[in-house]
């Protein structure tokens, strides 16, 4: 839709960065036991195997999950909270605009052969078209 090769690749890399940061926090808290006393957790020495798929599949986060008594729900709550917080602040507010500024015109790079094959979209066409009765 945006007729660019680099923008979608950058989006994938930025999303991987957010997910990796969330997994890193999960490992530090639940596997290594960081902040056990502060957060009221008892680290298990491992991450529940169902946490990773749930963390990727859920689209809404409720930090209240981190306060439950069930370790797997705590993991999901903390992981989603960190992923959303990092993604919304560091990644989307700082990293994405900064890389777009640094990349300049390269953001919109599209090889000639691919440009000929991809359809062109015109979002303003509906505004310019005369109203039909």
Protein backbone atom coordinates (compact mmCIF):
# COMPACT_ATOMS: atom_id res chain seq x y z
CA UNK A 1 0.00 0.00 0.00
CA UNK A 2 2.83 2.44 0.81
CA UNK A 3 4.92 1.24 -2.14
CA UNK A 4 8.07 0.83 -0.10
CA UNK A 5 10.34 -2.09 0.64
CA UNK A 6 12.12 -0.67 3.67
CA UNK A 7 9.11 0.54 5.70
CA UNK A 8 7.58 -2.93 6.14
CA UNK A 9 10.99 -4.43 6.95
CA UNK A 10 11.59 -1.73 9.55
CA UNK A 11 8.14 -2.40 11.05
CA UNK A 12 8.95 -6.10 11.45
CA UNK A 13 12.31 -5.32 13.08
CA UNK A 14 10.75 -2.82 15.48
CA UNK A 15 8.06 -5.32 16.51
CA UNK A 16 10.72 -7.98 17.09
CA UNK A 17 12.58 -5.51 19.28
CA UNK A 18 9.50 -4.93 21.47
CA UNK A 19 8.77 -8.64 21.82
CA UNK A 20 12.41 -9.40 22.60
CA UNK A 21 12.45 -6.76 25.32
CA UNK A 22 9.31 -8.22 26.88
CA UNK A 23 10.81 -11.72 26.83
CA UNK A 24 13.98 -10.35 28.41
CA UNK A 25 12.01 -8.87 31.29
CA UNK A 26 10.13 -12.14 31.75
CA UNK A 27 13.38 -14.08 31.98
CA UNK A 28 14.90 -11.59 34.41
CA UNK A 29 11.87 -11.61 36.72
CA UNK A 30 10.54 -15.16 36.53
CA UNK A 31 13.62 -17.19 35.66
CA UNK A 32 16.40 -15.29 37.42
CA UNK A 33 14.27 -13.97 40.29
CA UNK A 34 14.92 -10.24 39.95
CA UNK A 35 12.53 -8.18 42.12
CA UNK A 36 11.02 -11.24 43.83
CA UNK A 37 10.60 -9.46 47.15
CA UNK A 38 9.51 -6.15 45.65
CA UNK A 39 6.83 -7.61 43.38
CA UNK A 40 5.73 -10.45 45.64
CA UNK A 41 6.79 -13.11 43.14
CA UNK A 42 8.50 -16.39 43.83
CA UNK A 43 10.56 -17.12 40.73
CA UNK A 44 10.22 -20.62 39.42
CA UNK A 45 13.57 -20.80 37.64
CA UNK A 46 11.87 -21.14 34.25
CA UNK A 47 9.26 -19.51 32.05
CA UNK A 48 6.00 -21.37 31.54
CA UNK A 49 5.90 -22.81 28.02
CA UNK A 50 2.44 -21.37 27.31
CA UNK A 51 3.51 -17.80 28.13
CA UNK A 52 5.25 -17.07 24.81
CA UNK A 53 2.34 -17.99 22.52
CA UNK A 54 -0.12 -16.14 24.75
CA UNK A 55 2.13 -13.10 24.86
CA UNK A 56 2.20 -12.94 21.07
CA UNK A 57 -1.49 -13.75 20.58
CA UNK A 58 -3.15 -11.31 23.00
CA UNK A 59 -3.80 -7.72 21.65
CA UNK A 60 -4.85 -6.04 24.99
CA UNK A 61 -2.93 -5.85 28.24
CA UNK A 62 -4.20 -5.63 31.76
CA UNK A 63 -1.43 -4.93 34.25
CA UNK A 64 -3.74 -6.24 36.95
CA UNK A 65 -2.91 -9.76 35.73
CA UNK A 66 0.56 -9.31 37.22
CA UNK A 67 -1.01 -9.07 40.68
CA UNK A 68 -2.84 -12.40 40.61
CA UNK A 69 -1.77 -15.43 42.60
CA UNK A 70 -1.20 -17.69 39.58
CA UNK A 71 2.39 -17.63 38.24
CA UNK A 72 1.42 -18.15 34.58
CA UNK A 73 -1.09 -15.27 34.73
CA UNK A 74 1.53 -13.08 36.44
CA UNK A 75 3.95 -13.85 33.61
CA UNK A 76 1.39 -12.93 30.94
CA UNK A 77 0.40 -9.73 32.75
CA UNK A 78 3.96 -8.55 33.27
CA UNK A 79 5.09 -9.54 29.78
CA UNK A 80 2.21 -7.75 28.07
CA UNK A 81 2.57 -4.69 30.27
CA UNK A 82 6.26 -4.36 29.44
CA UNK A 83 5.75 -5.08 25.74
CA UNK A 84 3.01 -2.47 25.37
CA UNK A 85 4.80 0.13 27.49
CA UNK A 86 8.09 -0.25 25.60
CA UNK A 87 6.38 -0.39 22.23
CA UNK A 88 4.24 2.68 22.86
CA UNK A 89 7.01 4.81 24.35
CA UNK A 90 10.54 3.95 23.33
CA UNK A 91 9.79 2.25 20.04
CA UNK A 92 6.87 4.21 18.52
CA UNK A 93 7.64 7.65 20.00
CA UNK A 94 11.43 7.66 19.71
CA UNK A 95 12.91 4.87 17.59
CA UNK A 96 10.51 4.88 14.63
CA UNK A 97 10.49 8.67 14.03
CA UNK A 98 14.26 8.84 14.52
CA UNK A 99 14.95 6.08 11.98
CA UNK A 100 12.53 7.65 9.50
CA UNK A 101 14.37 10.96 9.84
CA UNK A 102 17.75 9.28 9.41
CA UNK A 103 16.63 7.20 6.43
CA UNK A 104 15.05 10.18 4.63
CA UNK A 105 14.11 9.30 1.04
CA UNK A 106 15.27 5.70 1.56
CA UNK A 107 12.03 5.13 3.52
CA UNK A 108 10.21 5.17 0.19
CA UNK A 109 12.68 3.14 -1.87
CA UNK A 110 11.00 0.72 -4.27
CA UNK A 111 12.91 -1.15 -7.01
CA UNK A 112 11.78 -0.37 -10.55
CA UNK A 113 10.59 -3.90 -11.47
CA UNK A 114 8.53 -4.10 -8.31
CA UNK A 115 7.11 -0.60 -8.88
CA UNK A 116 5.79 -1.72 -12.28
CA UNK A 117 4.05 -4.78 -10.81
CA UNK A 118 2.47 -3.27 -7.68
CA UNK A 119 -0.84 -1.46 -8.12
CA UNK A 120 -1.00 2.26 -7.42
CA UNK A 121 -3.47 3.49 -4.85
CA UNK A 122 -4.97 6.94 -4.85
CA UNK A 123 -6.62 7.77 -1.55
CA UNK A 124 -7.80 11.18 -2.72
CA UNK A 125 -9.60 9.89 -5.82
CA UNK A 126 -12.94 9.69 -4.02
CA UNK A 127 -12.71 13.37 -3.07
CA UNK A 128 -11.95 14.45 -6.64
CA UNK A 129 -14.62 12.29 -8.28
CA UNK A 130 -17.94 14.04 -8.99
CA UNK A 131 -20.83 12.93 -6.83
CA UNK A 132 -23.09 10.49 -8.65
CA UNK A 133 -26.84 10.48 -8.03
